[in-house]
PDB file of N, CA and C in Angstrom:
ATOM      1  N   MET A   1       3.269  -7.662   3.027  1.00  0.00           N
ATOM      2  CA  MET A   1       3.451  -6.887   4.245  1.00  0.00           C
ATOM      3  C   MET A   1       3.386  -5.368   3.365  1.00  0.00           C
ATOM      4  N   MET A   2       2.500  -4.226   3.739  1.00  0.00           N
ATOM      5  CA  MET A   2       2.526  -2.825   3.130  1.00  0.00           C
ATOM      6  C   MET A   2       3.083  -1.933   4.609  1.00  0.00           C
ATOM      7  N   TYR A   3       4.346  -0.834   4.236  1.00  0.00           N
ATOM      8  CA  TYR A   3       5.052  -0.077   4.724  1.00  0.00           C
ATOM      9  C   TYR A   3       3.886   1.746   4.853  1.00  0.00           C
ATOM     10  N   LYS A   4       4.378   1.932   5.981  1.00  0.00           N
ATOM     11  CA  LYS A   4       4.125   3.667   5.488  1.00  0.00           C
ATOM     12  C   LYS A   4       5.633   4.424   5.047  1.00  0.00           C
ATOM     13  N   PHE A   5       4.654   5.083   3.766  1.00  0.00           N
ATOM     14  CA  PHE A   5       6.332   5.648   3.136  1.00  0.00           C
ATOM     15  C   PHE A   5       5.810   7.843   3.685  1.00  0.00           C
ATOM     16  N   MET A   6       4.612   7.654   3.331  1.00  0.00           N
ATOM     17  CA  MET A   6       4.788   9.203   3.889  1.00  0.00           C
ATOM     18  C   MET A   6       3.146   9.825   3.791  1.00  0.00           C
ATOM     19  N   THR A   7       2.829  10.987   4.261  1.00  0.00           N
ATOM     20  CA  THR A   7       1.585  11.686   4.613  1.00  0.00           C
ATOM     21  C   THR A   7       1.691  12.720   3.680  1.00  0.00           C
ATOM     22  N   LEU A   8       0.780  13.368   2.650  1.00  0.00           N
ATOM     23  CA  LEU A   8       0.931  14.107   2.160  1.00  0.00           C
ATOM     24  C   LEU A   8       0.341  15.228   3.075  1.00  0.00           C
ATOM     25  N   ASP A   9       0.450  16.965   2.552  1.00  0.00           N
ATOM     26  CA  ASP A   9      -0.166  17.711   3.108  1.00  0.00           C
ATOM     27  C   ASP A   9      -1.956  17.839   3.022  1.00  0.00           C
ATOM     28  N   ASP A  10      -2.756  17.119   2.095  1.00  0.00           N
ATOM     29  CA  ASP A  10      -3.996  17.293   2.006  1.00  0.00           C
ATOM     30  C   ASP A  10      -4.410  15.734   2.675  1.00  0.00           C
ATOM     31  N   HIS A  11      -3.581  14.877   3.480  1.00  0.00           N
ATOM     32  CA  HIS A  11      -3.640  13.782   4.593  1.00  0.00           C
ATOM     33  C   HIS A  11      -3.789  12.588   3.683  1.00  0.00           C
ATOM     34  N   THR A  12      -3.459  12.998   2.253  1.00  0.00           N
ATOM     35  CA  THR A  12      -3.396  11.248   1.753  1.00  0.00           C
ATOM     36  C   THR A  12      -2.041  10.536   2.181  1.00  0.00           C
ATOM     37  N   GLU A  13      -2.197   9.318   2.491  1.00  0.00           N
ATOM     38  CA  GLU A  13      -1.322   8.166   2.961  1.00  0.00           C
ATOM     39  C   GLU A  13      -0.728   7.480   1.824  1.00  0.00           C
ATOM     40  N   ILE A  14       0.793   7.318   1.870  1.00  0.00           N
ATOM     41  CA  ILE A  14       1.335   6.741   0.589  1.00  0.00           C
ATOM     42  C   ILE A  14       2.207   5.585   1.469  1.00  0.00           C
ATOM     43  N   VAL A  15       1.828   4.321   1.024  1.00  0.00           N
ATOM     44  CA  VAL A  15       2.004   3.152   1.869  1.00  0.00           C
ATOM     45  C   VAL A  15       3.035   2.536   0.249  1.00  0.00           C
ATOM     46  N   HIS A  16       3.901   1.422   0.733  1.00  0.00           N
ATOM     47  CA  HIS A  16       3.913   0.467  -0.209  1.00  0.00           C
ATOM     48  C   HIS A  16       4.192  -1.223   0.151  1.00  0.00           C
ATOM     49  N   SER A  17       4.590  -1.837  -0.628  1.00  0.00           N
ATOM     50  CA  SER A  17       4.417  -3.391  -0.645  1.00  0.00           C
ATOM     51  C   SER A  17       6.117  -3.497  -0.730  1.00  0.00           C
ATOM     52  N   ASP A  18       6.655  -5.101  -0.153  1.00  0.00           N
ATOM     53  CA  ASP A  18       8.215  -5.338  -0.445  1.00  0.00           C
ATOM     54  C   ASP A  18       7.558  -5.496  -1.284  1.00  0.00           C
ATOM     55  N   THR A  19       8.956  -5.690  -2.267  1.00  0.00           N
ATOM     56  CA  THR A  19       9.484  -6.124  -3.427  1.00  0.00           C
ATOM     57  C   THR A  19       8.857  -7.435  -3.800  1.00  0.00           C
ATOM     58  N   TYR A  20       8.261  -7.665  -5.025  1.00  0.00           N
ATOM     59  CA  TYR A  20       7.760  -9.537  -5.186  1.00  0.00           C
ATOM     60  C   TYR A  20       8.016  -9.644  -7.133  1.00  0.00           C
ATOM     61  N   ILE A  21       7.938 -10.394  -7.602  1.00  0.00           N
ATOM     62  CA  ILE A  21       8.337 -10.752  -9.041  1.00  0.00           C
ATOM     63  C   ILE A  21       6.739 -11.170  -9.457  1.00  0.00           C
ATOM     64  N   GLU A  22       6.419 -10.075 -10.724  1.00  0.00           N
ATOM     65  CA  GLU A  22       5.241 -10.168 -11.542  1.00  0.00           C
ATOM     66  C   GLU A  22       5.848 -10.075 -13.129  1.00  0.00           C
ATOM     67  N   ASP A  23       5.435 -11.068 -13.510  1.00  0.00           N
ATOM     68  CA  ASP A  23       6.356 -11.416 -15.066  1.00  0.00           C
ATOM     69  C   ASP A  23       7.449 -10.987 -15.220  1.00  0.00           C
ATOM     70  N   ASN A  24       8.363 -11.368 -14.309  1.00  0.00           N
ATOM     71  CA  ASN A  24       9.722 -11.954 -14.260  1.00  0.00           C
ATOM     72  C   ASN A  24      10.507 -10.074 -14.229  1.00  0.00           C
ATOM     73  N   VAL A  25       9.613  -9.582 -13.340  1.00  0.00           N
ATOM     74  CA  VAL A  25       9.868  -8.054 -13.504  1.00  0.00           C
ATOM     75  C   VAL A  25       9.694  -7.874 -11.932  1.00  0.00           C
ATOM     76  N   GLU A  26      11.091  -7.173 -11.305  1.00  0.00           N
ATOM     77  CA  GLU A  26      10.906  -6.742  -9.762  1.00  0.00           C
ATOM     78  C   GLU A  26       9.856  -5.844  -9.855  1.00  0.00           C
ATOM     79  N   THR A  27       8.694  -5.745  -8.679  1.00  0.00           N
ATOM     80  CA  THR A  27       7.555  -4.972  -8.637  1.00  0.00           C
ATOM     81  C   THR A  27       7.349  -4.425  -7.169  1.00  0.00           C
ATOM     82  N   VAL A  28       7.311  -3.081  -7.187  1.00  0.00           N
ATOM     83  CA  VAL A  28       6.235  -2.440  -5.856  1.00  0.00           C
ATOM     84  C   VAL A  28       5.258  -2.035  -6.074  1.00  0.00           C
ATOM     85  N   LYS A  29       3.890  -2.953  -5.041  1.00  0.00           N
ATOM     86  CA  LYS A  29       2.733  -2.037  -5.002  1.00  0.00           C
ATOM     87  C   LYS A  29       2.780  -0.885  -4.134  1.00  0.00           C
ATOM     88  N   VAL A  30       2.187   0.441  -4.816  1.00  0.00           N
ATOM     89  CA  VAL A  30       2.587   1.603  -4.140  1.00  0.00           C
ATOM     90  C   VAL A  30       0.809   2.306  -3.853  1.00  0.00           C
ATOM     91  N   TYR A  31      -0.086   2.444  -2.696  1.00  0.00           N
ATOM     92  CA  TYR A  31      -0.817   2.320  -2.498  1.00  0.00           C
ATOM     93  C   TYR A  31      -1.477   4.049  -1.708  1.00  0.00           C
ATOM     94  N   PHE A  32      -2.244   4.439  -2.622  1.00  0.00           N
ATOM     95  CA  PHE A  32      -2.543   6.122  -2.318  1.00  0.00           C
ATOM     96  C   PHE A  32      -4.215   5.805  -1.092  1.00  0.00           C
ATOM     97  N   GLU A  33      -4.464   6.680  -0.226  1.00  0.00           N
ATOM     98  CA  GLU A  33      -5.549   6.807   0.050  1.00  0.00           C
ATOM     99  C   GLU A  33      -5.772   8.002   1.163  1.00  0.00           C
ATOM    100  N   LYS A  34      -6.784   8.626   0.922  1.00  0.00           N
ATOM    101  CA  LYS A  34      -6.912  10.053   1.415  1.00  0.00           C
ATOM    102  C   LYS A  34      -8.363   9.746   1.692  1.00  0.00           C
ATOM    103  N   PRO A  35      -8.688  10.452   3.348  1.00  0.00           N
ATOM    104  CA  PRO A  35      -9.760  10.504   3.653  1.00  0.00           C
ATOM    105  C   PRO A  35     -10.381  11.857   3.346  1.00  0.00           C
ATOM    106  N   VAL A  36     -11.739  11.462   3.210  1.00  0.00           N
ATOM    107  CA  VAL A  36     -12.878  11.901   2.390  1.00  0.00           C
ATOM    108  C   VAL A  36     -14.116  12.186   3.488  1.00  0.00           C
ATOM    109  N   TYR A  37     -15.047  12.802   3.482  1.00  0.00           N
ATOM    110  CA  TYR A  37     -16.079  12.789   4.266  1.00  0.00           C
ATOM    111  C   TYR A  37     -16.934  11.277   3.568  1.00  0.00           C
ATOM    112  N   GLY A  38     -17.179  10.675   4.608  1.00  0.00           N
ATOM    113  CA  GLY A  38     -18.318   9.334   4.124  1.00  0.00           C
ATOM    114  C   GLY A  38     -16.829   8.422   3.948  1.00  0.00           C
ATOM    115  N   GLY A  39     -15.880   8.286   3.806  1.00  0.00           N
ATOM    116  CA  GLY A  39     -14.840   7.205   3.199  1.00  0.00           C
ATOM    117  C   GLY A  39     -13.515   7.871   3.155  1.00  0.00           C
ATOM    118  N   PHE A  40     -12.960   7.117   1.896  1.00  0.00           N
ATOM    119  CA  PHE A  40     -11.737   7.254   1.420  1.00  0.00           C
ATOM    120  C   PHE A  40     -11.972   7.460  -0.216  1.00  0.00           C
ATOM    121  N   HIS A  41     -10.657   8.138  -0.576  1.00  0.00           N
ATOM    122  CA  HIS A  41     -10.428   7.804  -1.961  1.00  0.00           C
ATOM    123  C   HIS A  41      -9.293   6.694  -2.674  1.00  0.00           C
ATOM    124  N   SER A  42      -8.801   6.396  -2.878  1.00  0.00           N
ATOM    125  CA  SER A  42      -8.050   5.162  -3.143  1.00  0.00           C
ATOM    126  C   SER A  42      -7.233   4.965  -4.621  1.00  0.00           C
ATOM    127  N   ALA A  43      -5.920   4.844  -4.707  1.00  0.00           N
ATOM    128  CA  ALA A  43      -5.438   4.186  -5.581  1.00  0.00           C
ATOM    129  C   ALA A  43      -4.164   2.999  -5.656  1.00  0.00           C
ATOM    130  N   GLU A  44      -4.182   2.340  -6.590  1.00  0.00           N
ATOM    131  CA  GLU A  44      -2.810   1.972  -6.416  1.00  0.00           C
ATOM    132  C   GLU A  44      -1.999   1.893  -8.217  1.00  0.00           C
ATOM    133  N   CYS A  45      -0.062   1.776  -7.826  1.00  0.00           N
ATOM    134  CA  CYS A  45       0.217   2.192  -8.833  1.00  0.00           C
ATOM    135  C   CYS A  45       1.041   1.169  -8.591  1.00  0.00           C
ATOM    136  N   TYR A  46       1.733   0.551 -10.023  1.00  0.00           N
ATOM    137  CA  TYR A  46       2.741  -0.378  -9.615  1.00  0.00           C
ATOM    138  C   TYR A  46       3.729   0.012 -10.200  1.00  0.00           C
ATOM    139  N   LEU A  47       5.284   0.007  -9.544  1.00  0.00           N
ATOM    140  CA  LEU A  47       6.511   0.279  -9.881  1.00  0.00           C
ATOM    141  C   LEU A  47       6.942  -0.932 -10.791  1.00  0.00           C
ATOM    142  N   PRO A  48       8.215  -0.677 -11.172  1.00  0.00           N
ATOM    143  CA  PRO A  48       8.325   0.498 -12.090  1.00  0.00           C
ATOM    144  C   PRO A  48       7.533   0.555 -13.333  1.00  0.00           C
ATOM    145  N   SER A  49       6.690   0.408 -13.884  1.00  0.00           N
ATOM    146  CA  SER A  49       5.617   0.353 -14.715  1.00  0.00           C
ATOM    147  C   SER A  49       4.875   1.211 -14.844  1.00  0.00           C
ATOM    148  N   TYR A  50       4.843   1.992 -13.549  1.00  0.00           N
ATOM    149  CA  TYR A  50       3.800   2.995 -13.184  1.00  0.00           C
ATOM    150  C   TYR A  50       2.448   2.640 -13.599  1.00  0.00           C
ATOM    151  N   ARG A  51       2.097   1.405 -13.466  1.00  0.00           N
ATOM    152  CA  ARG A  51       0.372   1.071 -13.950  1.00  0.00           C
ATOM    153  C   ARG A  51      -0.383   1.729 -12.952  1.00  0.00           C
ATOM    154  N   TRP A  52      -1.863   1.990 -13.432  1.00  0.00           N
ATOM    155  CA  TRP A  52      -2.827   2.268 -12.234  1.00  0.00           C
ATOM    156  C   TRP A  52      -3.568   1.671 -12.000  1.00  0.00           C
ATOM    157  N   GLU A  53      -4.065   1.113 -10.840  1.00  0.00           N
ATOM    158  CA  GLU A  53      -5.495   0.136 -10.673  1.00  0.00           C
ATOM    159  C   GLU A  53      -5.846   0.808 -10.090  1.00  0.00           C
ATOM    160  N   ASN A  54      -7.698   0.614  -9.705  1.00  0.00           N
ATOM    161  CA  ASN A  54      -8.477   0.408  -8.700  1.00  0.00           C
ATOM    162  C   ASN A  54      -8.665   1.823  -8.019  1.00  0.00           C
ATOM    163  N   ILE A  55      -8.918   2.908  -8.894  1.00  0.00           N
ATOM    164  CA  ILE A  55      -8.731   4.084  -8.706  1.00  0.00           C
ATOM    165  C   ILE A  55     -10.236   4.601  -8.584  1.00  0.00           C
ATOM    166  N   ASP A  56     -10.061   4.971  -7.232  1.00  0.00           N
ATOM    167  CA  ASP A  56     -11.583   4.913  -6.372  1.00  0.00           C
ATOM    168  C   ASP A  56     -11.376   6.856  -6.007  1.00  0.00           C
ATOM    169  N   GLY A  57     -12.172   7.562  -6.852  1.00  0.00           N
ATOM    170  CA  GLY A  57     -12.755   8.761  -6.373  1.00  0.00           C
ATOM    171  C   GLY A  57     -11.364  10.107  -6.118  1.00  0.00           C
ATOM    172  N   PHE A  58     -10.475   9.469  -6.877  1.00  0.00           N
ATOM    173  CA  PHE A  58      -9.018  10.489  -7.182  1.00  0.00           C
ATOM    174  C   PHE A  58      -9.479  10.703  -8.821  1.00  0.00           C
ATOM    175  N   SER A  59      -9.612  12.076  -8.900  1.00  0.00           N
ATOM    176  CA  SER A  59      -9.645  12.890 -10.033  1.00  0.00           C
ATOM    177  C   SER A  59      -8.294  12.535 -10.932  1.00  0.00           C
ATOM    178  N   GLN A  60      -8.551  12.687 -12.862  1.00  0.00           N
ATOM    179  CA  GLN A  60      -7.678  12.669 -13.426  1.00  0.00           C
ATOM    180  C   GLN A  60      -6.209  13.449 -13.229  1.00  0.00           C
ATOM    181  N   LYS A  61      -6.514  14.538 -12.631  1.00  0.00           N
ATOM    182  CA  LYS A  61      -5.495  15.552 -12.676  1.00  0.00           C
ATOM    183  C   LYS A  61      -4.857  14.983 -11.319  1.00  0.00           C
ATOM    184  N   GLU A  62      -5.528  14.986 -10.167  1.00  0.00           N
ATOM    185  CA  GLU A  62      -4.782  14.329  -8.772  1.00  0.00           C
ATOM    186  C   GLU A  62      -3.717  13.032  -9.115  1.00  0.00           C
ATOM    187  N   ILE A  63      -4.463  11.552  -9.877  1.00  0.00           N
ATOM    188  CA  ILE A  63      -3.405  10.908 -10.622  1.00  0.00           C
ATOM    189  C   ILE A  63      -2.031  11.219 -11.327  1.00  0.00           C
ATOM    190  N   GLU A  64      -2.567  12.436 -12.187  1.00  0.00           N
ATOM    191  CA  GLU A  64      -1.016  12.822 -12.469  1.00  0.00           C
ATOM    192  C   GLU A  64      -0.113  13.542 -11.832  1.00  0.00           C
ATOM    193  N   TYR A  65      -1.007  14.023 -10.985  1.00  0.00           N
ATOM    194  CA  TYR A  65       0.009  14.687  -9.991  1.00  0.00           C
ATOM    195  C   TYR A  65       0.760  13.553  -8.931  1.00  0.00           C
ATOM    196  N   PHE A  66       0.201  12.422  -8.491  1.00  0.00           N
ATOM    197  CA  PHE A  66       0.665  11.578  -7.890  1.00  0.00           C
ATOM    198  C   PHE A  66       1.883  10.518  -8.650  1.00  0.00           C
ATOM    199  N   ASN A  67       1.468  10.543  -9.897  1.00  0.00           N
ATOM    200  CA  ASN A  67       2.430   9.979 -11.068  1.00  0.00           C
ATOM    201  C   ASN A  67       3.410  11.008 -11.470  1.00  0.00           C
ATOM    202  N   GLU A  68       3.612  11.932 -11.422  1.00  0.00           N
ATOM    203  CA  GLU A  68       4.607  13.203 -11.660  1.00  0.00           C
ATOM    204  C   GLU A  68       5.461  12.775 -10.075  1.00  0.00           C
ATOM    205  N   PHE A  69       5.109  12.815  -9.061  1.00  0.00           N
ATOM    206  CA  PHE A  69       5.367  12.817  -7.501  1.00  0.00           C
ATOM    207  C   PHE A  69       5.928  11.210  -7.511  1.00  0.00           C
ATOM    208  N   LEU A  70       5.405  10.065  -7.713  1.00  0.00           N
ATOM    209  CA  LEU A  70       6.343   8.863  -8.217  1.00  0.00           C
ATOM    210  C   LEU A  70       7.069   9.006  -8.725  1.00  0.00           C
ATOM    211  N   GLU A  71       7.541   9.839  -9.551  1.00  0.00           N
ATOM    212  CA  GLU A  71       8.513   9.527 -10.758  1.00  0.00           C
ATOM    213  C   GLU A  71       9.643   9.841 -10.221  1.00  0.00           C
ATOM    214  N   SER A  72       9.323  11.233  -9.233  1.00  0.00           N
ATOM    215  CA  SER A  72      10.877  11.116  -8.563  1.00  0.00           C
ATOM    216  C   SER A  72      11.085  10.607  -7.106  1.00  0.00           C
ATOM    217  N   VAL A  73      10.283   9.754  -6.770  1.00  0.00           N
ATOM    218  CA  VAL A  73      10.562   9.162  -5.910  1.00  0.00           C
ATOM    219  C   VAL A  73      10.619   7.650  -5.694  1.00  0.00           C
ATOM    220  N   ALA A  74      10.400   7.254  -6.897  1.00  0.00           N
ATOM    221  CA  ALA A  74      10.492   5.773  -7.105  1.00  0.00           C
ATOM    222  C   ALA A  74      11.527   4.998  -6.951  1.00  0.00           C
ATOM    223  N   HIS A  75      13.133   5.634  -7.240  1.00  0.00           N
ATOM    224  CA  HIS A  75      14.222   4.694  -6.549  1.00  0.00           C
ATOM    225  C   HIS A  75      14.065   4.676  -4.934  1.00  0.00           C
ATOM    226  N   ILE A  76      13.628   5.959  -4.457  1.00  0.00           N
ATOM    227  CA  ILE A  76      13.901   5.717  -2.773  1.00  0.00           C
ATOM    228  C   ILE A  76      12.540   4.210  -2.298  1.00  0.00           C
ATOM    229  N   ILE A  77      11.503   4.550  -3.024  1.00  0.00           N
ATOM    230  CA  ILE A  77      10.551   3.815  -2.575  1.00  0.00           C
ATOM    231  C   ILE A  77      10.633   1.904  -2.893  1.00  0.00           C
ATOM    232  N   ILE A  78      11.333   1.862  -3.966  1.00  0.00           N
ATOM    233  CA  ILE A  78      11.741   0.643  -4.620  1.00  0.00           C
ATOM    234  C   ILE A  78      13.050  -0.084  -3.419  1.00  0.00           C
ATOM    235  N   ARG A  79      13.598   1.078  -3.186  1.00  0.00           N
ATOM    236  CA  ARG A  79      14.946   0.745  -2.389  1.00  0.00           C
ATOM    237  C   ARG A  79      14.094   0.574  -0.765  1.00  0.00           C
ATOM    238  N   LEU A  80      13.507   1.126  -0.722  1.00  0.00           N
ATOM    239  CA  LEU A  80      12.856   0.695   0.734  1.00  0.00           C
ATOM    240  C   LEU A  80      12.346  -0.492   0.940  1.00  0.00           C
ATOM    241  N   ALA A  81      11.483  -0.792  -0.624  1.00  0.00           N
ATOM    242  CA  ALA A  81      10.432  -2.229  -0.565  1.00  0.00           C
ATOM    243  C   ALA A  81      11.594  -3.083  -0.214  1.00  0.00           C
ATOM    244  N   ARG A  82      12.678  -3.092  -0.803  1.00  0.00           N
ATOM    245  CA  ARG A  82      13.749  -3.908  -0.660  1.00  0.00           C
ATOM    246  C   ARG A  82      14.327  -4.552   0.436  1.00  0.00           C
ATOM    247  N   GLU A  83      13.820  -3.638   1.392  1.00  0.00           N
ATOM    248  CA  GLU A  83      14.990  -3.484   2.780  1.00  0.00           C
ATOM    249  C   GLU A  83      13.830  -3.556   3.987  1.00  0.00           C
ATOM    250  N   GLY A  84      12.499  -3.303   3.537  1.00  0.00           N
ATOM    251  CA  GLY A  84      11.288  -3.959   4.709  1.00  0.00           C
ATOM    252  C   GLY A  84      11.112  -2.579   5.366  1.00  0.00           C
ATOM    253  N   GLY A  85      11.077  -1.215   4.608  1.00  0.00           N
ATOM    254  CA  GLY A  85      10.341  -0.153   5.178  1.00  0.00           C
ATOM    255  C   GLY A  85      11.777   0.742   5.107  1.00  0.00           C
ATOM    256  N   PHE A  86      10.764   1.847   5.635  1.00  0.00           N
ATOM    257  CA  PHE A  86      11.991   3.242   6.491  1.00  0.00           C
ATOM    258  C   PHE A  86      12.434   2.463   7.821  1.00  0.00           C
ATOM    259  N   ASP A  87      11.571   1.608   8.802  1.00  0.00           N
ATOM    260  CA  ASP A  87      12.310   1.001   9.630  1.00  0.00           C
ATOM    261  C   ASP A  87      13.291  -0.228  10.074  1.00  0.00           C
ATOM    262  N   ASN A  88      13.501  -0.309   8.891  1.00  0.00           N
ATOM    263  CA  ASN A  88      14.491  -1.793   8.425  1.00  0.00           C
ATOM    264  C   ASN A  88      15.286  -1.132   7.412  1.00  0.00           C
ATOM    265  N   ALA A  89      15.367  -0.056   6.604  1.00  0.00           N
ATOM    266  CA  ALA A  89      16.229   0.496   6.051  1.00  0.00           C
ATOM    267  C   ALA A  89      17.925   0.731   6.338  1.00  0.00           C
ATOM    268  N   ALA A  90      18.692  -0.008   5.800  1.00  0.00           N
ATOM    269  CA  ALA A  90      19.914   0.676   6.105  1.00  0.00           C
ATOM    270  C   ALA A  90      20.846   1.480   5.281  1.00  0.00           C
ATOM    271  N   ASN A  91      21.620   2.465   6.099  1.00  0.00           N
ATOM    272  CA  ASN A  91      22.193   3.914   5.699  1.00  0.00           C
ATOM    273  C   ASN A  91      21.147   5.021   4.590  1.00  0.00           C
ATOM    274  N   PHE A  92      20.442   4.915   5.044  1.00  0.00           N
ATOM    275  CA  PHE A  92      18.897   6.030   4.402  1.00  0.00           C
ATOM    276  C   PHE A  92      19.241   7.203   5.204  1.00  0.00           C
TER     277      PHE A  92
END
């Protein structure tokens, strides 16, 4: 399941998965999607490794910005992923 985290000023939506185990590491998929004329730009980042995959349409500069942003909020996203998103998070 994917949970909405936030929408940036440029209309980029950020959503995240539940936590799951990958190679014995608790992992969260963070998905970025921005509407553009004729479709969407999109990318996936996997926390806590900050591994980027399936980048489509975003520039390297945008990915660097998103990565820096994630570094400042990863602890929040991971906690929300453990608790089932904002709607289910306790004491946030």
